[in-house]
PDB file of N, CA and C in Angstrom:
ATOM      1  N   MET A   1       0.816  -1.188   0.000  1.00  0.00           N
ATOM      2  CA  MET A   1       0.000   0.000   0.000  1.00  0.00           C
ATOM      3  C   MET A   1       0.863   1.256   0.000  1.00  0.00           C
ATOM      4  N   THR A   2       1.929   1.274   0.757  1.00  0.00           N
ATOM      5  CA  THR A   2       2.809   2.434   0.788  1.00  0.00           C
ATOM      6  C   THR A   2       3.455   2.667  -0.561  1.00  0.00           C
ATOM      7  N   GLN A   3       3.742   1.584  -1.260  1.00  0.00           N
ATOM      8  CA  GLN A   3       4.341   1.766  -2.587  1.00  0.00           C
ATOM      9  C   GLN A   3       3.347   2.423  -3.543  1.00  0.00           C
ATOM     10  N   LEU A   4       2.098   2.068  -3.399  1.00  0.00           N
ATOM     11  CA  LEU A   4       1.058   2.679  -4.228  1.00  0.00           C
ATOM     12  C   LEU A   4       0.935   4.164  -3.936  1.00  0.00           C
ATOM     13  N   LEU A   5       0.999   4.533  -2.670  1.00  0.00           N
ATOM     14  CA  LEU A   5       0.945   5.951  -2.306  1.00  0.00           C
ATOM     15  C   LEU A   5       2.153   6.703  -2.838  1.00  0.00           C
ATOM     16  N   ILE A   6       3.294   6.088  -2.798  1.00  0.00           N
ATOM     17  CA  ILE A   6       4.510   6.732  -3.323  1.00  0.00           C
ATOM     18  C   ILE A   6       4.378   6.931  -4.829  1.00  0.00           C
ATOM     19  N   ILE A   7       3.873   5.939  -5.522  1.00  0.00           N
ATOM     20  CA  ILE A   7       3.695   6.050  -6.980  1.00  0.00           C
ATOM     21  C   ILE A   7       2.676   7.148  -7.297  1.00  0.00           C
ATOM     22  N   LEU A   8       1.557   7.166  -6.536  1.00  0.00           N
ATOM     23  CA  LEU A   8       0.551   8.197  -6.758  1.00  0.00           C
ATOM     24  C   LEU A   8       1.120   9.587  -6.455  1.00  0.00           C
ATOM     25  N   ALA A   9       1.871   9.714  -5.408  1.00  0.00           N
ATOM     26  CA  ALA A   9       2.466  11.004  -5.049  1.00  0.00           C
ATOM     27  C   ALA A   9       3.450  11.444  -6.122  1.00  0.00           C
ATOM     28  N   MET A  10       4.241  10.508  -6.586  1.00  0.00           N
ATOM     29  CA  MET A  10       5.226  10.839  -7.622  1.00  0.00           C
ATOM     30  C   MET A  10       4.526  11.195  -8.932  1.00  0.00           C
ATOM     31  N   SER A  11       3.475  10.473  -9.241  1.00  0.00           N
ATOM     32  CA  SER A  11       2.778  10.750 -10.485  1.00  0.00           C
ATOM     33  C   SER A  11       2.052  12.083 -10.410  1.00  0.00           C
ATOM     34  N   LYS A  12       1.523  12.468  -9.241  1.00  0.00           N
ATOM     35  CA  LYS A  12       0.866  13.770  -9.097  1.00  0.00           C
ATOM     36  C   LYS A  12       1.895  14.885  -9.213  1.00  0.00           C
ATOM     37  N   THR A  13       3.063  14.715  -8.595  1.00  0.00           N
ATOM     38  CA  THR A  13       4.109  15.734  -8.670  1.00  0.00           C
ATOM     39  C   THR A  13       4.578  15.881 -10.111  1.00  0.00           C
ATOM     40  N   GLY A  14       4.754  14.766 -10.779  1.00  0.00           N
ATOM     41  CA  GLY A  14       5.173  14.808 -12.178  1.00  0.00           C
ATOM     42  C   GLY A  14       4.125  15.474 -13.049  1.00  0.00           C
ATOM     43  N   ALA A  15       2.867  15.153 -12.787  1.00  0.00           N
ATOM     44  CA  ALA A  15       1.776  15.749 -13.564  1.00  0.00           C
ATOM     45  C   ALA A  15       1.681  17.247 -13.301  1.00  0.00           C
ATOM     46  N   VAL A  16       1.851  17.635 -12.042  1.00  0.00           N
ATOM     47  CA  VAL A  16       1.795  19.054 -11.695  1.00  0.00           C
ATOM     48  C   VAL A  16       2.939  19.799 -12.374  1.00  0.00           C
ATOM     49  N   LEU A  17       4.129  19.217 -12.325  1.00  0.00           N
ATOM     50  CA  LEU A  17       5.285  19.850 -12.985  1.00  0.00           C
ATOM     51  C   LEU A  17       5.076  19.941 -14.499  1.00  0.00           C
ATOM     52  N   PHE A  18       4.513  18.876 -15.061  1.00  0.00           N
ATOM     53  CA  PHE A  18       4.246  18.885 -16.499  1.00  0.00           C
ATOM     54  C   PHE A  18       3.212  19.957 -16.854  1.00  0.00           C
ATOM     55  N   ILE A  19       2.169  20.077 -16.043  1.00  0.00           N
ATOM     56  CA  ILE A  19       1.141  21.099 -16.276  1.00  0.00           C
ATOM     57  C   ILE A  19       1.747  22.497 -16.155  1.00  0.00           C
ATOM     58  N   ILE A  20       2.582  22.704 -15.144  1.00  0.00           N
ATOM     59  CA  ILE A  20       3.247  24.008 -14.972  1.00  0.00           C
ATOM     60  C   ILE A  20       4.136  24.320 -16.167  1.00  0.00           C
ATOM     61  N   ALA A  21       4.864  23.316 -16.644  1.00  0.00           N
ATOM     62  CA  ALA A  21       5.726  23.512 -17.811  1.00  0.00           C
ATOM     63  C   ALA A  21       4.891  23.877 -19.038  1.00  0.00           C
ATOM     64  N   LEU A  22       3.762  23.192 -19.213  1.00  0.00           N
ATOM     65  CA  LEU A  22       2.889  23.499 -20.346  1.00  0.00           C
ATOM     66  C   LEU A  22       2.308  24.915 -20.234  1.00  0.00           C
ATOM     67  N   LEU A  23       1.938  25.318 -19.013  1.00  0.00           N
ATOM     68  CA  LEU A  23       1.424  26.675 -18.821  1.00  0.00           C
ATOM     69  C   LEU A  23       2.496  27.729 -19.126  1.00  0.00           C
ATOM     70  N   LEU A  24       3.725  27.451 -18.704  1.00  0.00           N
ATOM     71  CA  LEU A  24       4.828  28.379 -19.013  1.00  0.00           C
ATOM     72  C   LEU A  24       5.051  28.487 -20.520  1.00  0.00           C
ATOM     73  N   VAL A  25       5.026  27.361 -21.194  1.00  0.00           N
ATOM     74  CA  VAL A  25       5.198  27.371 -22.652  1.00  0.00           C
ATOM     75  C   VAL A  25       4.042  28.136 -23.306  1.00  0.00           C
ATOM     76  N   ALA A  26       2.824  27.909 -22.835  1.00  0.00           N
ATOM     77  CA  ALA A  26       1.666  28.617 -23.394  1.00  0.00           C
ATOM     78  C   ALA A  26       1.793  30.125 -23.149  1.00  0.00           C
ATOM     79  N   ALA A  27       2.256  30.498 -21.944  1.00  0.00           N
ATOM     80  CA  ALA A  27       2.429  31.928 -21.637  1.00  0.00           C
ATOM     81  C   ALA A  27       3.488  32.554 -22.535  1.00  0.00           C
ATOM     82  N   ILE A  28       4.584  31.844 -22.747  1.00  0.00           N
ATOM     83  CA  ILE A  28       5.658  32.361 -23.619  1.00  0.00           C
ATOM     84  C   ILE A  28       5.155  32.492 -25.051  1.00  0.00           C
ATOM     85  N   ILE A  29       4.444  31.493 -25.522  1.00  0.00           N
ATOM     86  CA  ILE A  29       3.889  31.555 -26.884  1.00  0.00           C
ATOM     87  C   ILE A  29       2.909  32.720 -26.997  1.00  0.00           C
ATOM     88  N   GLY A  30       2.049  32.904 -25.993  1.00  0.00           N
ATOM     89  CA  GLY A  30       1.099  34.018 -26.021  1.00  0.00           C
ATOM     90  C   GLY A  30       1.804  35.361 -26.011  1.00  0.00           C
ATOM     91  N   TYR A  31       2.831  35.485 -25.177  1.00  0.00           N
ATOM     92  CA  TYR A  31       3.580  36.747 -25.101  1.00  0.00           C
ATOM     93  C   TYR A  31       4.260  37.048 -26.432  1.00  0.00           C
ATOM     94  N   LEU A  32       4.941  36.058 -26.989  1.00  0.00           N
ATOM     95  CA  LEU A  32       5.642  36.276 -28.263  1.00  0.00           C
ATOM     96  C   LEU A  32       4.664  36.579 -29.397  1.00  0.00           C
ATOM     97  N   THR A  33       3.541  35.903 -29.414  1.00  0.00           N
ATOM     98  CA  THR A  33       2.534  36.154 -30.446  1.00  0.00           C
ATOM     99  C   THR A  33       2.014  37.591 -30.338  1.00  0.00           C
ATOM    100  N   ALA A  34       1.702  38.009 -29.119  1.00  0.00           N
ATOM    101  CA  ALA A  34       1.214  39.375 -28.917  1.00  0.00           C
ATOM    102  C   ALA A  34       2.285  40.388 -29.288  1.00  0.00           C
ATOM    103  N   TRP A  35       3.531  40.106 -28.946  1.00  0.00           N
ATOM    104  CA  TRP A  35       4.631  41.031 -29.241  1.00  0.00           C
ATOM    105  C   TRP A  35       4.821  41.177 -30.748  1.00  0.00           C
ATOM    106  N   PHE A  36       4.857  40.043 -31.466  1.00  0.00           N
ATOM    107  CA  PHE A  36       5.020  40.104 -32.925  1.00  0.00           C
ATOM    108  C   PHE A  36       3.824  40.778 -33.593  1.00  0.00           C
ATOM    109  N   TYR A  37       2.617  40.501 -33.095  1.00  0.00           N
ATOM    110  CA  TYR A  37       1.421  41.131 -33.659  1.00  0.00           C
ATOM    111  C   TYR A  37       1.472  42.643 -33.455  1.00  0.00           C
ATOM    112  N   ALA A  38       1.777  43.064 -32.239  1.00  0.00           N
ATOM    113  CA  ALA A  38       1.857  44.506 -31.954  1.00  0.00           C
ATOM    114  C   ALA A  38       2.943  45.160 -32.790  1.00  0.00           C
ATOM    115  N   LYS A  39       4.061  44.465 -32.927  1.00  0.00           N
ATOM    116  CA  LYS A  39       5.154  45.014 -33.735  1.00  0.00           C
ATOM    117  C   LYS A  39       4.734  45.158 -35.194  1.00  0.00           C
ATOM    118  N   SER A  40       4.032  44.163 -35.715  1.00  0.00           N
ATOM    119  CA  SER A  40       3.620  44.232 -37.123  1.00  0.00           C
ATOM    120  C   SER A  40       2.550  45.293 -37.350  1.00  0.00           C
ATOM    121  N   VAL A  41       1.709  45.531 -36.358  1.00  0.00           N
ATOM    122  CA  VAL A  41       0.639  46.521 -36.499  1.00  0.00           C
ATOM    123  C   VAL A  41       1.179  47.931 -36.292  1.00  0.00           C
ATOM    124  N   TYR A  42       1.987  48.123 -35.264  1.00  0.00           N
ATOM    125  CA  TYR A  42       2.384  49.473 -34.872  1.00  0.00           C
ATOM    126  C   TYR A  42       3.665  49.980 -35.528  1.00  0.00           C
ATOM    127  N   THR A  43       4.483  49.106 -36.081  1.00  0.00           N
ATOM    128  CA  THR A  43       5.712  49.562 -36.732  1.00  0.00           C
ATOM    129  C   THR A  43       5.422  50.498 -37.907  1.00  0.00           C
ATOM    130  N   PRO A  44       4.490  50.185 -38.809  1.00  0.00           N
ATOM    131  CA  PRO A  44       4.200  51.134 -39.897  1.00  0.00           C
ATOM    132  C   PRO A  44       3.645  52.465 -39.380  1.00  0.00           C
ATOM    133  N   ILE A  45       2.821  52.387 -38.345  1.00  0.00           N
ATOM    134  CA  ILE A  45       2.260  53.618 -37.778  1.00  0.00           C
ATOM    135  C   ILE A  45       3.372  54.466 -37.172  1.00  0.00           C
ATOM    136  N   ILE A  46       4.298  53.823 -36.464  1.00  0.00           N
ATOM    137  CA  ILE A  46       5.421  54.546 -35.850  1.00  0.00           C
ATOM    138  C   ILE A  46       6.278  55.191 -36.929  1.00  0.00           C
ATOM    139  N   LYS A  47       6.544  54.455 -38.007  1.00  0.00           N
ATOM    140  CA  LYS A  47       7.347  55.021 -39.107  1.00  0.00           C
ATOM    141  C   LYS A  47       6.652  56.224 -39.733  1.00  0.00           C
ATOM    142  N   GLN A  48       5.336  56.115 -39.928  1.00  0.00           N
ATOM    143  CA  GLN A  48       4.574  57.229 -40.498  1.00  0.00           C
ATOM    144  C   GLN A  48       4.635  58.441 -39.569  1.00  0.00           C
ATOM    145  N   LEU A  49       4.451  58.209 -38.276  1.00  0.00           N
ATOM    146  CA  LEU A  49       4.492  59.315 -37.320  1.00  0.00           C
ATOM    147  C   LEU A  49       5.879  59.945 -37.241  1.00  0.00           C
ATOM    148  N   GLU A  50       6.917  59.129 -37.350  1.00  0.00           N
ATOM    149  CA  GLU A  50       8.277  59.673 -37.343  1.00  0.00           C
ATOM    150  C   GLU A  50       8.524  60.522 -38.588  1.00  0.00           C
ATOM    151  N   ALA A  51       7.995  60.084 -39.736  1.00  0.00           N
ATOM    152  CA  ALA A  51       8.130  60.876 -40.961  1.00  0.00           C
ATOM    153  C   ALA A  51       7.384  62.196 -40.822  1.00  0.00           C
ATOM    154  N   GLU A  52       6.173  62.157 -40.259  1.00  0.00           N
ATOM    155  CA  GLU A  52       5.411  63.387 -40.034  1.00  0.00           C
ATOM    156  C   GLU A  52       6.142  64.298 -39.060  1.00  0.00           C
ATOM    157  N   LYS A  53       6.749  63.717 -38.047  1.00  0.00           N
ATOM    158  CA  LYS A  53       7.511  64.499 -37.067  1.00  0.00           C
ATOM    159  C   LYS A  53       8.670  65.209 -37.750  1.00  0.00           C
ATOM    160  N   ALA A  54       9.382  64.486 -38.621  1.00  0.00           N
ATOM    161  CA  ALA A  54      10.501  65.096 -39.339  1.00  0.00           C
ATOM    162  C   ALA A  54      10.012  66.245 -40.222  1.00  0.00           C
ATOM    163  N   ASP A  55       8.887  66.044 -40.914  1.00  0.00           N
ATOM    164  CA  ASP A  55       8.323  67.106 -41.748  1.00  0.00           C
ATOM    165  C   ASP A  55       7.931  68.317 -40.899  1.00  0.00           C
ATOM    166  N   LEU A  56       7.309  68.060 -39.766  1.00  0.00           N
ATOM    167  CA  LEU A  56       6.903  69.160 -38.892  1.00  0.00           C
ATOM    168  C   LEU A  56       8.117  69.901 -38.326  1.00  0.00           C
ATOM    169  N   GLN A  57       9.185  69.159 -38.042  1.00  0.00           N
ATOM    170  CA  GLN A  57      10.398  69.817 -37.543  1.00  0.00           C
ATOM    171  C   GLN A  57      11.002  70.717 -38.627  1.00  0.00           C
ATOM    172  N   LYS A  58      10.938  70.256 -39.878  1.00  0.00           N
ATOM    173  CA  LYS A  58      11.414  71.098 -40.982  1.00  0.00           C
ATOM    174  C   LYS A  58      10.547  72.351 -41.103  1.00  0.00           C
ATOM    175  N   GLN A  59       9.240  72.177 -40.973  1.00  0.00           N
ATOM    176  CA  GLN A  59       8.338  73.324 -41.046  1.00  0.00           C
ATOM    177  C   GLN A  59       8.607  74.301 -39.908  1.00  0.00           C
ATOM    178  N   VAL A  60       8.860  73.769 -38.717  1.00  0.00           N
ATOM    179  CA  VAL A  60       9.154  74.625 -37.572  1.00  0.00           C
ATOM    180  C   VAL A  60      10.441  75.411 -37.825  1.00  0.00           C
ATOM    181  N   ALA A  61      11.445  74.748 -38.372  1.00  0.00           N
ATOM    182  CA  ALA A  61      12.700  75.438 -38.669  1.00  0.00           C
ATOM    183  C   ALA A  61      12.464  76.544 -39.695  1.00  0.00           C
ATOM    184  N   GLY A  62      11.669  76.246 -40.723  1.00  0.00           N
ATOM    185  CA  GLY A  62      11.342  77.262 -41.728  1.00  0.00           C
ATOM    186  C   GLY A  62      10.569  78.417 -41.128  1.00  0.00           C
ATOM    187  N   LEU A  63       9.627  78.108 -40.256  1.00  0.00           N
ATOM    188  CA  LEU A  63       8.841  79.159 -39.614  1.00  0.00           C
ATOM    189  C   LEU A  63       9.701  80.011 -38.685  1.00  0.00           C
ATOM    190  N   LYS A  64      10.664  79.389 -38.025  1.00  0.00           N
ATOM    191  CA  LYS A  64      11.568  80.166 -37.171  1.00  0.00           C
ATOM    192  C   LYS A  64      12.390  81.139 -38.013  1.00  0.00           C
ATOM    193  N   GLU A  65      12.821  80.695 -39.192  1.00  0.00           N
ATOM    194  CA  GLU A  65      13.547  81.589 -40.105  1.00  0.00           C
ATOM    195  C   GLU A  65      12.638  82.744 -40.539  1.00  0.00           C
ATOM    196  N   ASP A  66      11.390  82.406 -40.868  1.00  0.00           N
ATOM    197  CA  ASP A  66      10.435  83.441 -41.271  1.00  0.00           C
ATOM    198  C   ASP A  66      10.207  84.445 -40.146  1.00  0.00           C
ATOM    199  N   VAL A  67      10.101  83.948 -38.916  1.00  0.00           N
ATOM    200  CA  VAL A  67       9.895  84.834 -37.767  1.00  0.00           C
ATOM    201  C   VAL A  67      11.101  85.761 -37.608  1.00  0.00           C
ATOM    202  N   ALA A  68      12.296  85.211 -37.775  1.00  0.00           N
ATOM    203  CA  ALA A  68      13.497  86.043 -37.654  1.00  0.00           C
ATOM    204  C   ALA A  68      13.503  87.130 -38.734  1.00  0.00           C
ATOM    205  N   LYS A  69      13.141  86.755 -39.959  1.00  0.00           N
ATOM    206  CA  LYS A  69      13.089  87.735 -41.049  1.00  0.00           C
ATOM    207  C   LYS A  69      12.041  88.810 -40.758  1.00  0.00           C
ATOM    208  N   LEU A  70      10.873  88.364 -40.291  1.00  0.00           N
ATOM    209  CA  LEU A  70       9.802  89.324 -40.003  1.00  0.00           C
ATOM    210  C   LEU A  70      10.178  90.244 -38.841  1.00  0.00           C
ATOM    211  N   ASN A  71      10.878  89.711 -37.842  1.00  0.00           N
ATOM    212  CA  ASN A  71      11.333  90.565 -36.745  1.00  0.00           C
ATOM    213  C   ASN A  71      12.323  91.611 -37.253  1.00  0.00           C
ATOM    214  N   GLY A  72      13.194  91.211 -38.176  1.00  0.00           N
ATOM    215  CA  GLY A  72      14.106  92.174 -38.784  1.00  0.00           C
ATOM    216  C   GLY A  72      13.351  93.234 -39.557  1.00  0.00           C
ATOM    217  N   ARG A  73      12.351  92.800 -40.298  1.00  0.00           N
ATOM    218  CA  ARG A  73      11.526  93.745 -41.072  1.00  0.00           C
ATOM    219  C   ARG A  73      10.789  94.700 -40.131  1.00  0.00           C
ATOM    220  N   ILE A  74      10.272  94.170 -39.017  1.00  0.00           N
ATOM    221  CA  ILE A  74       9.580  95.015 -38.035  1.00  0.00           C
ATOM    222  C   ILE A  74      10.544  96.056 -37.474  1.00  0.00           C
ATOM    223  N   ASN A  75      11.752  95.626 -37.170  1.00  0.00           N
ATOM    224  CA  ASN A  75      12.739  96.574 -36.648  1.00  0.00           C
ATOM    225  C   ASN A  75      13.044  97.667 -37.668  1.00  0.00           C
ATOM    226  N   ASP A  76      13.167  97.261 -38.941  1.00  0.00           N
ATOM    227  CA  ASP A  76      13.408  98.255 -39.995  1.00  0.00           C
ATOM    228  C   ASP A  76      12.242  99.244 -40.078  1.00  0.00           C
ATOM    229  N   LEU A  77      11.028  98.705 -40.055  1.00  0.00           N
ATOM    230  CA  LEU A  77       9.849  99.574 -40.155  1.00  0.00           C
ATOM    231  C   LEU A  77       9.717 100.470 -38.928  1.00  0.00           C
ATOM    232  N   ASN A  78      10.053  99.944 -37.751  1.00  0.00           N
ATOM    233  CA  ASN A  78      10.025 100.784 -36.555  1.00  0.00           C
ATOM    234  C   ASN A  78      11.034 101.924 -36.669  1.00  0.00           C
ATOM    235  N   GLY A  79      12.182 101.625 -37.262  1.00  0.00           N
ATOM    236  CA  GLY A  79      13.176 102.681 -37.499  1.00  0.00           C
ATOM    237  C   GLY A  79      12.636 103.737 -38.448  1.00  0.00           C
ATOM    238  N   LYS A  80      11.968 103.289 -39.515  1.00  0.00           N
ATOM    239  CA  LYS A  80      11.383 104.238 -40.457  1.00  0.00           C
ATOM    240  C   LYS A  80      10.277 105.054 -39.791  1.00  0.00           C
ATOM    241  N   ILE A  81       9.481 104.403 -38.941  1.00  0.00           N
ATOM    242  CA  ILE A  81       8.421 105.125 -38.226  1.00  0.00           C
ATOM    243  C   ILE A  81       9.028 106.208 -37.349  1.00  0.00           C
ATOM    244  N   ASP A  82      10.084 105.858 -36.631  1.00  0.00           N
ATOM    245  CA  ASP A  82      10.750 106.860 -35.784  1.00  0.00           C
ATOM    246  C   ASP A  82      11.289 108.013 -36.630  1.00  0.00           C
ATOM    247  N   GLU A  83      11.862 107.668 -37.796  1.00  0.00           N
ATOM    248  CA  GLU A  83      12.382 108.705 -38.703  1.00  0.00           C
ATOM    249  C   GLU A  83      11.253 109.613 -39.181  1.00  0.00           C
ATOM    250  N   LEU A  84      10.119 108.998 -39.559  1.00  0.00           N
ATOM    251  CA  LEU A  84       8.982 109.785 -40.032  1.00  0.00           C
ATOM    252  C   LEU A  84       8.393 110.641 -38.913  1.00  0.00           C
ATOM    253  N   LYS A  85       8.374 110.122 -37.684  1.00  0.00           N
ATOM    254  CA  LYS A  85       7.896 110.916 -36.556  1.00  0.00           C
ATOM    255  C   LYS A  85       8.791 112.139 -36.353  1.00  0.00           C
ATOM    256  N   GLY A  86      10.098 111.918 -36.523  1.00  0.00           N
ATOM    257  CA  GLY A  86      11.019 113.044 -36.432  1.00  0.00           C
ATOM    258  C   GLY A  86      10.745 114.075 -37.513  1.00  0.00           C
ATOM    259  N   LEU A  87      10.493 113.615 -38.736  1.00  0.00           N
ATOM    260  CA  LEU A  87      10.171 114.529 -39.834  1.00  0.00           C
ATOM    261  C   LEU A  87       8.869 115.275 -39.552  1.00  0.00           C
ATOM    262  N   ILE A  88       7.873 114.562 -39.038  1.00  0.00           N
ATOM    263  CA  ILE A  88       6.592 115.206 -38.720  1.00  0.00           C
ATOM    264  C   ILE A  88       6.801 116.286 -37.663  1.00  0.00           C
ATOM    265  N   THR A  89       7.567 115.959 -36.633  1.00  0.00           N
ATOM    266  CA  THR A  89       7.845 116.942 -35.587  1.00  0.00           C
ATOM    267  C   THR A  89       8.549 118.158 -36.171  1.00  0.00           C
ATOM    268  N   ASN A  90       9.513 117.911 -37.048  1.00  0.00           N
ATOM    269  CA  ASN A  90      10.242 119.006 -37.700  1.00  0.00           C
ATOM    270  C   ASN A  90       9.295 119.854 -38.541  1.00  0.00           C
ATOM    271  N   LEU A  91       8.408 119.190 -39.310  1.00  0.00           N
ATOM    272  CA  LEU A  91       7.454 119.928 -40.133  1.00  0.00           C
ATOM    273  C   LEU A  91       6.472 120.720 -39.277  1.00  0.00           C
ATOM    274  N   GLU A  92       6.036 120.122 -38.154  1.00  0.00           N
ATOM    275  CA  GLU A  92       5.131 120.847 -37.260  1.00  0.00           C
ATOM    276  C   GLU A  92       5.822 122.088 -36.695  1.00  0.00           C
ATOM    277  N   GLU A  93       7.093 121.959 -36.380  1.00  0.00           N
ATOM    278  CA  GLU A  93       7.840 123.117 -35.875  1.00  0.00           C
ATOM    279  C   GLU A  93       7.960 124.182 -36.963  1.00  0.00           C
ATOM    280  N   GLN A  94       8.213 123.737 -38.212  1.00  0.00           N
ATOM    281  CA  GLN A  94       8.306 124.693 -39.310  1.00  0.00           C
ATOM    282  C   GLN A  94       6.968 125.384 -39.532  1.00  0.00           C
ATOM    283  N   VAL A  95       5.864 124.606 -39.468  1.00  0.00           N
ATOM    284  CA  VAL A  95       4.532 125.181 -39.645  1.00  0.00           C
ATOM    285  C   VAL A  95       4.262 126.195 -38.540  1.00  0.00           C
ATOM    286  N   ALA A  96       4.586 125.834 -37.316  1.00  0.00           N
ATOM    287  CA  ALA A  96       4.379 126.761 -36.197  1.00  0.00           C
ATOM    288  C   ALA A  96       5.207 128.021 -36.393  1.00  0.00           C
ATOM    289  N   SER A  97       6.428 127.861 -36.870  1.00  0.00           N
ATOM    290  CA  SER A  97       7.299 129.018 -37.114  1.00  0.00           C
ATOM    291  C   SER A  97       6.702 129.908 -38.209  1.00  0.00           C
ATOM    292  N   LYS A  98       6.226 129.272 -39.279  1.00  0.00           N
ATOM    293  CA  LYS A  98       5.633 130.047 -40.377  1.00  0.00           C
ATOM    294  C   LYS A  98       4.349 130.740 -39.920  1.00  0.00           C
ATOM    295  N   GLU A  99       3.542 130.071 -39.106  1.00  0.00           N
ATOM    296  CA  GLU A  99       2.325 130.694 -38.598  1.00  0.00           C
ATOM    297  C   GLU A  99       2.670 131.896 -37.730  1.00  0.00           C
ATOM    298  N   LYS A 100       3.727 131.782 -36.958  1.00  0.00           N
ATOM    299  CA  LYS A 100       4.155 132.908 -36.118  1.00  0.00           C
ATOM    300  C   LYS A 100       4.611 134.069 -37.001  1.00  0.00           C
ATOM    301  N   GLU A 101       5.347 133.755 -38.068  1.00  0.00           N
ATOM    302  CA  GLU A 101       5.784 134.797 -38.991  1.00  0.00           C
ATOM    303  C   GLU A 101       4.582 135.487 -39.624  1.00  0.00           C
ATOM    304  N   ILE A 102       3.584 134.671 -40.013  1.00  0.00           N
ATOM    305  CA  ILE A 102       2.376 135.244 -40.625  1.00  0.00           C
ATOM    306  C   ILE A 102       1.661 136.146 -39.625  1.00  0.00           C
ATOM    307  N   ARG A 103       1.528 135.717 -38.377  1.00  0.00           N
ATOM    308  CA  ARG A 103       0.881 136.546 -37.354  1.00  0.00           C
ATOM    309  C   ARG A 103       1.665 137.834 -37.139  1.00  0.00           C
ATOM    310  N   ASP A 104       2.984 137.722 -37.103  1.00  0.00           N
ATOM    311  CA  ASP A 104       3.811 138.921 -36.925  1.00  0.00           C
ATOM    312  C   ASP A 104       3.635 139.884 -38.100  1.00  0.00           C
ATOM    313  N   LEU A 105       3.587 139.317 -39.325  1.00  0.00           N
ATOM    314  CA  LEU A 105       3.397 140.163 -40.510  1.00  0.00           C
ATOM    315  C   LEU A 105       2.019 140.822 -40.499  1.00  0.00           C
ATOM    316  N   LYS A 106       0.989 140.080 -40.099  1.00  0.00           N
ATOM    317  CA  LYS A 106      -0.353 140.650 -40.002  1.00  0.00           C
ATOM    318  C   LYS A 106      -0.377 141.736 -38.958  1.00  0.00           C
ATOM    319  N   GLY A 107       0.343 141.524 -37.868  1.00  0.00           N
ATOM    320  CA  GLY A 107       0.405 142.566 -36.827  1.00  0.00           C
ATOM    321  C   GLY A 107       1.084 143.814 -37.339  1.00  0.00           C
ATOM    322  N   LYS A 108       2.123 143.675 -38.120  1.00  0.00           N
ATOM    323  CA  LYS A 108       2.833 144.832 -38.667  1.00  0.00           C
ATOM    324  C   LYS A 108       1.980 145.552 -39.691  1.00  0.00           C
ATOM    325  N   ILE A 109       1.223 144.770 -40.482  1.00  0.00           N
ATOM    326  CA  ILE A 109       0.375 145.382 -41.511  1.00  0.00           C
ATOM    327  C   ILE A 109      -0.728 146.188 -40.831  1.00  0.00           C
ATOM    328  N   ARG A 110      -1.305 145.765 -39.753  1.00  0.00           N
ATOM    329  CA  ARG A 110      -2.386 146.440 -39.066  1.00  0.00           C
ATOM    330  C   ARG A 110      -1.880 147.726 -38.402  1.00  0.00           C
ATOM    331  N   GLU A 111      -0.659 147.769 -38.080  1.00  0.00           N
ATOM    332  CA  GLU A 111      -0.145 148.949 -37.391  1.00  0.00           C
ATOM    333  C   GLU A 111      -0.001 150.038 -38.340  1.00  0.00           C
TER     334      GLU A 111
END
């Protein structure tokens, strides 16, 4: 009877180990299958997104150049505005001077 129990115990341990080994193999197969599937599905998408990223980076670089050019143009125009403001001030002073001369001449004529 003890020999029968030993055989049953050994056979249960062997069966349990075999079942565990089969479960490990099934888990590895499932993991690898999922990994290869995900890789096959997402690799083209990743490549497309990387290409779009590169294009967008080129556009950003171009836009930064445009911004630099426009900032230079703004600075030039601000300089011209300041120059024109100076001219306007000068002309206003000349107009005021001429108006004063006209008033002085009118005053002399009335006398």
